[in-house]
N, C-alpha and C. Protein backbone atom coordinates (compact mmCIF):
# COMPACT_ATOMS: atom_id res chain seq x y z
N MET A 1 0.83 -1.20 0.00
CA MET A 1 0.00 0.00 0.00
C MET A 1 0.87 1.25 0.00
N SER A 2 0.55 2.21 -0.87
CA SER A 2 1.32 3.43 -0.98
C SER A 2 1.22 4.25 0.30
N THR A 3 2.33 4.85 0.70
CA THR A 3 2.39 5.69 1.90
C THR A 3 2.31 7.15 1.50
N THR A 4 1.43 7.90 2.14
CA THR A 4 1.30 9.32 1.84
C THR A 4 2.34 10.13 2.60
N VAL A 5 3.04 10.98 1.87
CA VAL A 5 4.04 11.87 2.46
C VAL A 5 3.57 13.31 2.21
N ASP A 6 3.11 13.96 3.27
CA ASP A 6 2.68 15.36 3.16
C ASP A 6 3.89 16.26 3.37
N VAL A 7 4.12 17.16 2.41
CA VAL A 7 5.26 18.07 2.48
C VAL A 7 4.74 19.50 2.47
N PHE A 8 4.84 20.16 3.61
CA PHE A 8 4.40 21.55 3.75
C PHE A 8 5.56 22.46 3.39
N ILE A 9 5.34 23.38 2.46
CA ILE A 9 6.42 24.21 1.95
C ILE A 9 6.02 25.68 1.88
N ASP A 10 7.05 26.52 1.79
CA ASP A 10 6.86 27.91 1.36
C ASP A 10 7.92 28.16 0.29
N TYR A 11 7.55 28.85 -0.77
CA TYR A 11 8.45 29.04 -1.89
C TYR A 11 9.61 29.97 -1.61
N VAL A 12 9.61 30.67 -0.47
CA VAL A 12 10.74 31.53 -0.12
C VAL A 12 11.67 30.84 0.88
N CYS A 13 11.44 29.57 1.15
CA CYS A 13 12.31 28.83 2.07
C CYS A 13 13.29 27.96 1.27
N PRO A 14 14.59 28.24 1.34
CA PRO A 14 15.55 27.45 0.55
C PRO A 14 15.60 25.99 0.96
N PHE A 15 15.32 25.69 2.22
CA PHE A 15 15.38 24.30 2.67
C PHE A 15 14.30 23.45 2.01
N CYS A 16 13.18 24.08 1.63
CA CYS A 16 12.14 23.34 0.91
C CYS A 16 12.62 22.94 -0.48
N PHE A 17 13.48 23.75 -1.06
CA PHE A 17 14.10 23.41 -2.35
C PHE A 17 15.16 22.34 -2.16
N LEU A 18 15.97 22.48 -1.12
CA LEU A 18 17.09 21.58 -0.92
C LEU A 18 16.69 20.18 -0.46
N VAL A 19 15.44 20.01 -0.01
CA VAL A 19 14.98 18.68 0.39
C VAL A 19 14.50 17.87 -0.82
N GLU A 20 14.38 18.51 -1.97
CA GLU A 20 13.86 17.82 -3.15
C GLU A 20 14.65 16.57 -3.54
N PRO A 21 15.99 16.58 -3.53
CA PRO A 21 16.70 15.35 -3.89
C PRO A 21 16.38 14.18 -2.96
N ALA A 22 16.21 14.46 -1.67
CA ALA A 22 15.86 13.40 -0.72
C ALA A 22 14.47 12.85 -1.02
N LEU A 23 13.55 13.74 -1.33
CA LEU A 23 12.19 13.29 -1.67
C LEU A 23 12.19 12.49 -2.98
N GLU A 24 13.01 12.89 -3.93
CA GLU A 24 13.10 12.18 -5.20
C GLU A 24 13.66 10.76 -4.98
N GLU A 25 14.66 10.65 -4.13
CA GLU A 25 15.21 9.32 -3.83
C GLU A 25 14.17 8.46 -3.11
N LEU A 26 13.44 9.08 -2.20
CA LEU A 26 12.38 8.35 -1.50
C LEU A 26 11.34 7.84 -2.48
N ARG A 27 10.94 8.69 -3.40
CA ARG A 27 9.93 8.31 -4.38
C ARG A 27 10.44 7.19 -5.29
N ARG A 28 11.73 7.22 -5.58
CA ARG A 28 12.32 6.20 -6.44
C ARG A 28 12.44 4.84 -5.74
N ASP A 29 12.73 4.87 -4.44
CA ASP A 29 13.04 3.62 -3.72
C ASP A 29 11.89 3.06 -2.91
N ARG A 30 10.83 3.83 -2.70
CA ARG A 30 9.71 3.36 -1.90
C ARG A 30 8.39 3.71 -2.61
N ASP A 31 7.34 2.99 -2.25
CA ASP A 31 6.02 3.23 -2.81
C ASP A 31 5.35 4.34 -2.00
N VAL A 32 5.53 5.58 -2.43
CA VAL A 32 5.00 6.72 -1.69
C VAL A 32 4.25 7.65 -2.63
N GLU A 33 3.34 8.41 -2.04
CA GLU A 33 2.64 9.47 -2.77
C GLU A 33 2.95 10.78 -2.07
N VAL A 34 3.71 11.64 -2.75
CA VAL A 34 4.12 12.92 -2.18
C VAL A 34 3.04 13.96 -2.45
N ASN A 35 2.60 14.63 -1.39
CA ASN A 35 1.54 15.62 -1.49
C ASN A 35 2.07 16.98 -1.05
N ILE A 36 2.23 17.91 -2.00
CA ILE A 36 2.75 19.24 -1.69
C ILE A 36 1.65 20.11 -1.12
N ARG A 37 1.92 20.69 0.07
CA ARG A 37 0.92 21.52 0.75
C ARG A 37 1.52 22.89 1.10
N PRO A 38 0.69 23.94 1.10
CA PRO A 38 1.20 25.29 1.38
C PRO A 38 1.28 25.63 2.86
N LEU A 39 2.30 26.41 3.19
CA LEU A 39 2.37 27.01 4.51
C LEU A 39 3.16 28.32 4.38
N GLU A 40 2.45 29.42 4.32
CA GLU A 40 3.13 30.72 4.25
C GLU A 40 3.81 31.01 5.58
N LEU A 41 5.10 31.23 5.55
CA LEU A 41 5.82 31.56 6.77
C LEU A 41 5.42 32.92 7.32
N ARG A 42 5.19 33.84 6.41
CA ARG A 42 4.85 35.22 6.83
C ARG A 42 3.68 35.74 6.00
N PRO A 43 2.48 35.26 6.30
CA PRO A 43 1.31 35.73 5.55
C PRO A 43 1.00 37.19 5.89
N THR A 44 0.28 37.85 5.00
CA THR A 44 -0.15 39.23 5.25
C THR A 44 -0.89 39.32 6.59
N PRO A 45 -0.57 40.28 7.43
CA PRO A 45 0.28 41.45 7.24
C PRO A 45 1.67 41.31 7.86
N VAL A 46 2.11 40.10 8.16
CA VAL A 46 3.43 39.91 8.78
C VAL A 46 4.52 40.37 7.80
N PRO A 47 5.44 41.23 8.24
CA PRO A 47 6.50 41.69 7.33
C PRO A 47 7.36 40.52 6.85
N THR A 48 7.78 40.58 5.60
CA THR A 48 8.68 39.55 5.08
C THR A 48 10.13 40.00 5.28
N LEU A 49 11.05 39.06 5.08
CA LEU A 49 12.46 39.33 5.35
C LEU A 49 13.12 40.13 4.22
N ARG A 50 14.22 40.79 4.58
CA ARG A 50 14.97 41.59 3.61
C ARG A 50 16.39 41.04 3.50
N PRO A 51 16.85 40.75 2.28
CA PRO A 51 18.18 40.15 2.12
C PRO A 51 19.32 41.07 2.53
N GLU A 52 19.07 42.38 2.61
CA GLU A 52 20.15 43.29 3.00
C GLU A 52 20.31 43.37 4.52
N ASP A 53 19.37 42.81 5.28
CA ASP A 53 19.53 42.76 6.73
C ASP A 53 20.49 41.65 7.12
N ASP A 54 20.84 41.55 8.38
CA ASP A 54 21.88 40.61 8.82
C ASP A 54 21.42 39.16 8.78
N TYR A 55 20.13 38.91 9.06
CA TYR A 55 19.67 37.54 9.29
C TYR A 55 19.87 36.63 8.08
N LEU A 56 19.33 37.01 6.94
CA LEU A 56 19.38 36.12 5.77
C LEU A 56 20.81 35.82 5.32
N PRO A 57 21.70 36.80 5.15
CA PRO A 57 23.07 36.46 4.75
C PRO A 57 23.77 35.53 5.73
N ARG A 58 23.50 35.71 7.01
CA ARG A 58 24.15 34.84 8.01
C ARG A 58 23.66 33.41 7.89
N ILE A 59 22.33 33.22 7.77
CA ILE A 59 21.77 31.88 7.64
C ILE A 59 22.25 31.21 6.35
N TRP A 60 22.30 31.99 5.30
CA TRP A 60 22.74 31.42 4.01
C TRP A 60 24.20 31.00 4.07
N ASN A 61 25.05 31.84 4.63
CA ASN A 61 26.48 31.51 4.69
C ASN A 61 26.75 30.33 5.62
N ASP A 62 26.03 30.29 6.75
CA ASP A 62 26.30 29.26 7.76
C ASP A 62 25.64 27.92 7.44
N ILE A 63 24.46 27.96 6.83
CA ILE A 63 23.68 26.72 6.68
C ILE A 63 23.26 26.43 5.24
N VAL A 64 22.68 27.42 4.56
CA VAL A 64 22.09 27.15 3.24
C VAL A 64 23.15 26.76 2.22
N TYR A 65 24.20 27.58 2.07
CA TYR A 65 25.21 27.27 1.06
C TYR A 65 25.91 25.93 1.31
N PRO A 66 26.32 25.62 2.56
CA PRO A 66 26.92 24.30 2.80
C PRO A 66 25.96 23.15 2.47
N MET A 67 24.68 23.29 2.82
CA MET A 67 23.72 22.23 2.52
C MET A 67 23.52 22.10 1.01
N ALA A 68 23.45 23.23 0.33
CA ALA A 68 23.28 23.21 -1.12
C ALA A 68 24.45 22.49 -1.79
N ASP A 69 25.66 22.71 -1.29
CA ASP A 69 26.82 22.01 -1.83
C ASP A 69 26.71 20.51 -1.62
N ARG A 70 26.22 20.12 -0.43
CA ARG A 70 26.11 18.68 -0.12
C ARG A 70 25.10 17.99 -1.03
N VAL A 71 23.98 18.64 -1.31
CA VAL A 71 22.93 17.98 -2.10
C VAL A 71 23.07 18.26 -3.59
N GLY A 72 24.01 19.15 -3.96
CA GLY A 72 24.27 19.38 -5.37
C GLY A 72 23.28 20.28 -6.08
N ILE A 73 22.70 21.23 -5.36
CA ILE A 73 21.77 22.18 -5.98
C ILE A 73 22.38 23.58 -5.89
N PRO A 74 22.73 24.18 -7.01
CA PRO A 74 23.27 25.55 -6.97
C PRO A 74 22.17 26.56 -6.65
N VAL A 75 22.41 27.38 -5.64
CA VAL A 75 21.44 28.41 -5.25
C VAL A 75 22.18 29.69 -4.92
N ARG A 76 21.44 30.78 -4.87
CA ARG A 76 22.00 32.05 -4.40
C ARG A 76 20.92 32.80 -3.66
N LEU A 77 21.35 33.60 -2.71
CA LEU A 77 20.40 34.40 -1.94
C LEU A 77 19.71 35.38 -2.87
N PRO A 78 18.38 35.28 -3.03
CA PRO A 78 17.68 36.20 -3.94
C PRO A 78 17.81 37.64 -3.48
N SER A 79 17.86 38.55 -4.46
CA SER A 79 18.02 39.96 -4.15
C SER A 79 16.69 40.68 -3.99
N VAL A 80 15.57 40.01 -4.29
CA VAL A 80 14.25 40.63 -4.18
C VAL A 80 14.03 41.11 -2.75
N SER A 81 13.72 42.39 -2.60
CA SER A 81 13.57 42.96 -1.25
C SER A 81 12.37 43.90 -1.20
N PRO A 82 11.54 43.71 -0.17
CA PRO A 82 11.54 42.56 0.76
C PRO A 82 11.16 41.29 0.03
N GLN A 83 11.37 40.14 0.68
CA GLN A 83 11.03 38.88 0.04
C GLN A 83 9.55 38.86 -0.36
N PRO A 84 9.23 38.23 -1.48
CA PRO A 84 7.84 38.25 -1.96
C PRO A 84 6.90 37.44 -1.08
N ARG A 85 5.66 37.83 -1.10
CA ARG A 85 4.63 37.01 -0.48
C ARG A 85 4.27 35.90 -1.47
N THR A 86 3.84 34.78 -0.95
CA THR A 86 3.66 33.60 -1.80
C THR A 86 2.20 33.17 -1.98
N GLU A 87 1.27 33.98 -1.51
CA GLU A 87 -0.13 33.59 -1.61
C GLU A 87 -0.54 33.36 -3.07
N LYS A 88 -0.19 34.29 -3.97
CA LYS A 88 -0.59 34.14 -5.37
C LYS A 88 -0.03 32.86 -5.97
N ALA A 89 1.23 32.58 -5.68
CA ALA A 89 1.85 31.36 -6.20
C ALA A 89 1.13 30.12 -5.67
N PHE A 90 0.67 30.18 -4.43
CA PHE A 90 -0.03 29.04 -3.86
C PHE A 90 -1.44 28.89 -4.42
N LEU A 91 -2.05 29.99 -4.82
CA LEU A 91 -3.36 29.89 -5.46
C LEU A 91 -3.23 29.10 -6.77
N VAL A 92 -2.13 29.32 -7.47
CA VAL A 92 -1.90 28.59 -8.72
C VAL A 92 -1.46 27.15 -8.42
N LEU A 93 -0.85 26.91 -7.26
CA LEU A 93 -0.54 25.53 -6.87
C LEU A 93 -1.81 24.69 -6.85
N GLN A 94 -2.92 25.27 -6.42
CA GLN A 94 -4.18 24.53 -6.43
C GLN A 94 -4.50 24.05 -7.85
N LEU A 95 -4.32 24.94 -8.81
CA LEU A 95 -4.55 24.59 -10.21
C LEU A 95 -3.56 23.52 -10.66
N ALA A 96 -2.31 23.65 -10.24
CA ALA A 96 -1.29 22.66 -10.61
C ALA A 96 -1.64 21.28 -10.05
N HIS A 97 -2.18 21.25 -8.83
CA HIS A 97 -2.64 19.97 -8.27
C HIS A 97 -3.73 19.36 -9.16
N GLU A 98 -4.65 20.19 -9.60
CA GLU A 98 -5.75 19.69 -10.43
C GLU A 98 -5.25 19.15 -11.77
N ARG A 99 -4.10 19.67 -12.23
CA ARG A 99 -3.52 19.21 -13.50
C ARG A 99 -2.43 18.17 -13.28
N ASN A 100 -2.26 17.75 -12.01
CA ASN A 100 -1.27 16.71 -11.66
C ASN A 100 0.17 17.12 -11.96
N ILE A 101 0.48 18.40 -11.78
CA ILE A 101 1.86 18.87 -11.97
C ILE A 101 2.32 19.69 -10.77
N ALA A 102 1.81 19.40 -9.59
CA ALA A 102 2.13 20.20 -8.41
C ALA A 102 3.62 20.18 -8.10
N GLU A 103 4.25 19.02 -8.22
CA GLU A 103 5.68 18.94 -7.90
C GLU A 103 6.51 19.69 -8.94
N ALA A 104 6.17 19.54 -10.21
CA ALA A 104 6.90 20.25 -11.26
C ALA A 104 6.72 21.76 -11.11
N TYR A 105 5.53 22.18 -10.78
CA TYR A 105 5.25 23.60 -10.58
C TYR A 105 6.06 24.15 -9.40
N SER A 106 6.07 23.42 -8.30
CA SER A 106 6.82 23.87 -7.12
C SER A 106 8.31 23.92 -7.42
N HIS A 107 8.82 22.92 -8.12
CA HIS A 107 10.24 22.92 -8.50
C HIS A 107 10.57 24.14 -9.34
N ALA A 108 9.69 24.47 -10.27
CA ALA A 108 9.91 25.64 -11.13
C ALA A 108 9.89 26.93 -10.33
N MET A 109 9.01 27.01 -9.33
CA MET A 109 8.97 28.19 -8.47
C MET A 109 10.27 28.35 -7.70
N PHE A 110 10.76 27.25 -7.15
CA PHE A 110 12.03 27.30 -6.42
C PHE A 110 13.17 27.71 -7.34
N GLN A 111 13.22 27.14 -8.52
CA GLN A 111 14.28 27.51 -9.47
C GLN A 111 14.21 29.00 -9.81
N ALA A 112 13.00 29.48 -10.05
CA ALA A 112 12.84 30.89 -10.42
C ALA A 112 13.38 31.81 -9.33
N PHE A 113 13.09 31.47 -8.07
CA PHE A 113 13.48 32.35 -6.96
C PHE A 113 14.94 32.16 -6.57
N PHE A 114 15.36 30.93 -6.37
CA PHE A 114 16.67 30.67 -5.80
C PHE A 114 17.79 30.50 -6.82
N GLN A 115 17.44 30.36 -8.09
CA GLN A 115 18.48 30.24 -9.11
C GLN A 115 18.43 31.39 -10.12
N ASP A 116 17.22 31.87 -10.44
CA ASP A 116 17.09 32.92 -11.44
C ASP A 116 16.81 34.30 -10.85
N ASP A 117 16.65 34.37 -9.53
CA ASP A 117 16.45 35.65 -8.83
C ASP A 117 15.23 36.40 -9.35
N ARG A 118 14.13 35.67 -9.58
CA ARG A 118 12.90 36.29 -10.08
C ARG A 118 11.94 36.55 -8.92
N ASN A 119 11.12 37.56 -9.06
CA ASN A 119 10.15 37.93 -8.03
C ASN A 119 8.91 37.06 -8.18
N ILE A 120 8.84 35.97 -7.42
CA ILE A 120 7.74 35.02 -7.56
C ILE A 120 6.46 35.49 -6.88
N GLY A 121 6.47 36.71 -6.36
CA GLY A 121 5.23 37.31 -5.87
C GLY A 121 4.53 38.12 -6.93
N ASP A 122 5.21 38.34 -8.07
CA ASP A 122 4.67 39.13 -9.16
C ASP A 122 3.79 38.25 -10.06
N GLU A 123 2.58 38.72 -10.34
CA GLU A 123 1.63 37.92 -11.12
C GLU A 123 2.19 37.53 -12.48
N GLU A 124 2.87 38.46 -13.15
CA GLU A 124 3.38 38.16 -14.49
C GLU A 124 4.45 37.08 -14.44
N VAL A 125 5.25 37.08 -13.41
CA VAL A 125 6.26 36.04 -13.25
C VAL A 125 5.59 34.69 -13.01
N ILE A 126 4.58 34.67 -12.16
CA ILE A 126 3.86 33.43 -11.88
C ILE A 126 3.20 32.90 -13.15
N VAL A 127 2.57 33.78 -13.91
CA VAL A 127 1.92 33.37 -15.16
C VAL A 127 2.95 32.78 -16.12
N ASP A 128 4.11 33.42 -16.22
CA ASP A 128 5.15 32.94 -17.13
C ASP A 128 5.64 31.55 -16.73
N ILE A 129 5.87 31.37 -15.43
CA ILE A 129 6.35 30.06 -14.96
C ILE A 129 5.29 28.99 -15.18
N ALA A 130 4.06 29.29 -14.80
CA ALA A 130 2.99 28.31 -14.95
C ALA A 130 2.73 27.98 -16.41
N SER A 131 2.78 28.98 -17.26
CA SER A 131 2.55 28.76 -18.69
C SER A 131 3.64 27.88 -19.30
N SER A 132 4.86 28.02 -18.79
CA SER A 132 5.96 27.20 -19.32
C SER A 132 5.76 25.73 -19.01
N LEU A 133 4.89 25.42 -18.05
CA LEU A 133 4.60 24.04 -17.68
C LEU A 133 3.32 23.53 -18.35
N GLY A 134 2.72 24.36 -19.18
CA GLY A 134 1.54 23.94 -19.92
C GLY A 134 0.22 24.39 -19.34
N LEU A 135 0.24 25.15 -18.26
CA LEU A 135 -1.01 25.68 -17.71
C LEU A 135 -1.47 26.86 -18.56
N GLU A 136 -2.77 26.91 -18.83
CA GLU A 136 -3.30 27.97 -19.67
C GLU A 136 -3.24 29.31 -18.94
N GLU A 137 -2.78 30.35 -19.65
CA GLU A 137 -2.63 31.67 -19.03
C GLU A 137 -3.94 32.15 -18.43
N THR A 138 -5.04 31.96 -19.17
CA THR A 138 -6.33 32.41 -18.65
C THR A 138 -6.68 31.72 -17.34
N SER A 139 -6.43 30.41 -17.27
CA SER A 139 -6.73 29.65 -16.06
C SER A 139 -5.86 30.10 -14.89
N VAL A 140 -4.61 30.43 -15.19
CA VAL A 140 -3.69 30.88 -14.15
C VAL A 140 -4.16 32.22 -13.58
N ARG A 141 -4.52 33.15 -14.46
CA ARG A 141 -4.98 34.47 -13.99
C ARG A 141 -6.30 34.33 -13.22
N GLU A 142 -7.16 33.44 -13.67
CA GLU A 142 -8.41 33.22 -12.96
C GLU A 142 -8.15 32.63 -11.57
N ALA A 143 -7.16 31.76 -11.47
CA ALA A 143 -6.83 31.17 -10.18
C ALA A 143 -6.34 32.25 -9.20
N ILE A 144 -5.50 33.16 -9.71
CA ILE A 144 -4.96 34.22 -8.85
C ILE A 144 -6.06 35.16 -8.37
N ALA A 145 -7.06 35.37 -9.20
CA ALA A 145 -8.14 36.30 -8.86
C ALA A 145 -9.31 35.64 -8.15
N SER A 146 -9.27 34.34 -7.96
CA SER A 146 -10.43 33.60 -7.47
C SER A 146 -10.65 33.72 -5.96
N PRO A 147 -11.80 34.27 -5.52
CA PRO A 147 -12.11 34.30 -4.09
C PRO A 147 -12.25 32.90 -3.51
N GLU A 148 -12.76 31.97 -4.31
CA GLU A 148 -12.92 30.59 -3.82
C GLU A 148 -11.56 29.96 -3.54
N ARG A 149 -10.60 30.17 -4.43
CA ARG A 149 -9.27 29.62 -4.19
C ARG A 149 -8.59 30.30 -3.00
N ARG A 150 -8.85 31.58 -2.82
CA ARG A 150 -8.27 32.28 -1.67
C ARG A 150 -8.85 31.73 -0.36
N ARG A 151 -10.14 31.44 -0.36
CA ARG A 151 -10.73 30.83 0.84
C ARG A 151 -10.15 29.44 1.08
N GLN A 152 -9.94 28.68 0.01
CA GLN A 152 -9.34 27.36 0.16
C GLN A 152 -7.91 27.48 0.68
N HIS A 153 -7.20 28.48 0.21
CA HIS A 153 -5.83 28.69 0.67
C HIS A 153 -5.81 28.99 2.16
N GLN A 154 -6.72 29.83 2.62
CA GLN A 154 -6.78 30.13 4.06
C GLN A 154 -7.11 28.88 4.87
N ALA A 155 -7.98 28.04 4.32
CA ALA A 155 -8.30 26.78 4.98
C ALA A 155 -7.08 25.87 5.02
N ASP A 156 -6.30 25.87 3.94
CA ASP A 156 -5.09 25.06 3.88
C ASP A 156 -4.06 25.52 4.91
N LEU A 157 -3.93 26.84 5.06
CA LEU A 157 -2.99 27.37 6.05
C LEU A 157 -3.44 27.01 7.46
N ALA A 158 -4.73 27.09 7.72
CA ALA A 158 -5.26 26.72 9.03
C ALA A 158 -5.02 25.24 9.30
N TYR A 159 -5.19 24.42 8.28
CA TYR A 159 -4.93 22.98 8.45
C TYR A 159 -3.47 22.75 8.83
N ALA A 160 -2.56 23.47 8.17
CA ALA A 160 -1.14 23.28 8.44
C ALA A 160 -0.77 23.72 9.85
N THR A 161 -1.22 24.91 10.24
CA THR A 161 -0.77 25.47 11.51
C THR A 161 -1.60 25.05 12.71
N GLU A 162 -2.91 24.89 12.51
CA GLU A 162 -3.79 24.60 13.65
C GLU A 162 -4.06 23.10 13.81
N THR A 163 -4.28 22.42 12.71
CA THR A 163 -4.58 20.98 12.79
C THR A 163 -3.32 20.15 12.92
N MET A 164 -2.35 20.40 12.00
CA MET A 164 -1.13 19.60 11.99
C MET A 164 -0.02 20.20 12.85
N ARG A 165 -0.21 21.42 13.33
CA ARG A 165 0.75 22.08 14.23
C ARG A 165 2.13 22.22 13.59
N ILE A 166 2.17 22.51 12.30
CA ILE A 166 3.44 22.73 11.62
C ILE A 166 3.93 24.13 11.96
N THR A 167 5.18 24.23 12.40
CA THR A 167 5.73 25.53 12.80
C THR A 167 6.93 25.93 11.95
N ALA A 168 7.41 25.04 11.09
CA ALA A 168 8.57 25.34 10.25
C ALA A 168 8.45 24.53 8.96
N VAL A 169 9.09 25.03 7.92
CA VAL A 169 9.09 24.31 6.65
C VAL A 169 10.55 24.00 6.25
N PRO A 170 10.78 22.90 5.53
CA PRO A 170 9.75 21.94 5.13
C PRO A 170 9.19 21.19 6.32
N GLY A 171 7.88 21.06 6.34
CA GLY A 171 7.22 20.26 7.35
C GLY A 171 6.78 18.96 6.70
N ILE A 172 7.40 17.88 7.08
CA ILE A 172 7.13 16.59 6.43
C ILE A 172 6.45 15.65 7.42
N ILE A 173 5.32 15.11 6.99
CA ILE A 173 4.57 14.17 7.83
C ILE A 173 4.37 12.88 7.04
N ILE A 174 4.85 11.79 7.60
CA ILE A 174 4.73 10.48 6.97
C ILE A 174 3.87 9.59 7.84
N GLY A 175 2.69 9.28 7.35
CA GLY A 175 1.80 8.42 8.12
C GLY A 175 1.52 8.93 9.51
N GLY A 176 1.42 10.26 9.66
CA GLY A 176 1.16 10.85 10.96
C GLY A 176 2.40 11.16 11.77
N THR A 177 3.57 10.76 11.28
CA THR A 177 4.82 11.01 11.98
C THR A 177 5.49 12.26 11.43
N PRO A 178 5.61 13.32 12.24
CA PRO A 178 6.28 14.54 11.76
C PRO A 178 7.80 14.40 11.85
N LEU A 179 8.49 14.91 10.83
CA LEU A 179 9.95 14.92 10.83
C LEU A 179 10.43 16.36 10.93
N GLN A 180 11.33 16.61 11.84
CA GLN A 180 11.85 17.96 12.05
C GLN A 180 13.03 18.23 11.13
N GLY A 181 13.22 19.49 10.79
CA GLY A 181 14.37 19.88 10.00
C GLY A 181 14.23 19.49 8.54
N THR A 182 15.37 19.34 7.88
CA THR A 182 15.42 18.95 6.47
C THR A 182 15.98 17.53 6.41
N PRO A 183 15.12 16.53 6.44
CA PRO A 183 15.58 15.15 6.58
C PRO A 183 16.31 14.63 5.34
N SER A 184 17.23 13.71 5.59
CA SER A 184 17.93 13.04 4.49
C SER A 184 17.04 11.97 3.88
N ALA A 185 17.45 11.47 2.73
CA ALA A 185 16.71 10.38 2.09
C ALA A 185 16.70 9.15 2.99
N THR A 186 17.81 8.90 3.66
CA THR A 186 17.90 7.74 4.56
C THR A 186 16.86 7.84 5.68
N ARG A 187 16.76 9.02 6.27
CA ARG A 187 15.80 9.19 7.36
C ARG A 187 14.37 9.06 6.85
N LEU A 188 14.10 9.58 5.66
CA LEU A 188 12.77 9.45 5.08
C LEU A 188 12.42 7.99 4.85
N LYS A 189 13.36 7.24 4.30
CA LYS A 189 13.09 5.83 4.00
C LYS A 189 12.95 5.02 5.29
N GLU A 190 13.74 5.35 6.29
CA GLU A 190 13.62 4.64 7.57
C GLU A 190 12.24 4.88 8.19
N THR A 191 11.74 6.09 8.06
CA THR A 191 10.42 6.40 8.61
C THR A 191 9.33 5.65 7.87
N VAL A 192 9.43 5.59 6.54
CA VAL A 192 8.46 4.83 5.73
C VAL A 192 8.53 3.36 6.08
N ASP A 193 9.74 2.83 6.25
CA ASP A 193 9.90 1.41 6.57
C ASP A 193 9.34 1.08 7.95
N ALA A 194 9.56 1.98 8.91
CA ALA A 194 9.03 1.76 10.26
C ALA A 194 7.51 1.76 10.24
N LEU A 195 6.94 2.62 9.43
CA LEU A 195 5.48 2.66 9.31
C LEU A 195 4.96 1.37 8.69
N ALA A 196 5.66 0.88 7.66
CA ALA A 196 5.24 -0.36 7.02
C ALA A 196 5.32 -1.53 7.99
N THR A 197 6.34 -1.53 8.84
CA THR A 197 6.48 -2.61 9.83
C THR A 197 5.34 -2.55 10.84
N SER A 198 4.98 -1.35 11.28
CA SER A 198 3.90 -1.23 12.26
C SER A 198 2.57 -1.65 11.64
N ARG A 199 2.39 -1.39 10.36
CA ARG A 199 1.18 -1.83 9.68
C ARG A 199 1.08 -3.34 9.67
N GLY A 200 2.23 -3.98 9.57
CA GLY A 200 2.22 -5.44 9.51
C GLY A 200 1.81 -6.09 10.82
N CYS A 201 1.83 -5.32 11.89
CA CYS A 201 1.45 -5.88 13.19
C CYS A 201 -0.03 -5.64 13.52
N GLU A 202 -0.72 -4.94 12.64
CA GLU A 202 -2.13 -4.64 12.92
C GLU A 202 -2.99 -5.87 12.73
N LEU A 203 -4.06 -6.01 13.55
CA LEU A 203 -5.00 -7.11 13.41
C LEU A 203 -6.16 -6.69 12.53
């Protein structure tokens, strides 16, 4: 039986990008279904971070760049200031889920921000990225403007923070087991295997 892996992300978190190789290895080696879910770290009206302040350069130099080297993903601290809000991008994620390209869409968003230094809070940038994956421009713009999708997004955020008690991203939950930090492929597979073993003991 396939194991569901819920991955809560924000497109401005580099660790959500850097966990992708581990998730890809997990998907290759185990029977899992990865479900990408939104969690805005700083939703409106919370101020977003600025790359010219001390915090982001320090975190990137101490943690992000070394981790990126280990997993083989070239990244750079985006210059967009303040960092973009991700609500619009997440509204289009709903559409990407409906078209079964949620992972490809999320990967493209991460690439745009952390490799191409694009403002992924800008509607035209989102439309361009989504269109490059085959999503219709009209559908993308309708998704961004949709009150129904915005209500669903708020419900999704409440599910992440209030129901699942996710406080940091990537927030990964495997069969009800939350994993802290940015787990390795080995840790992900061990968690899936432990869950499969516990299932085998059920009456």
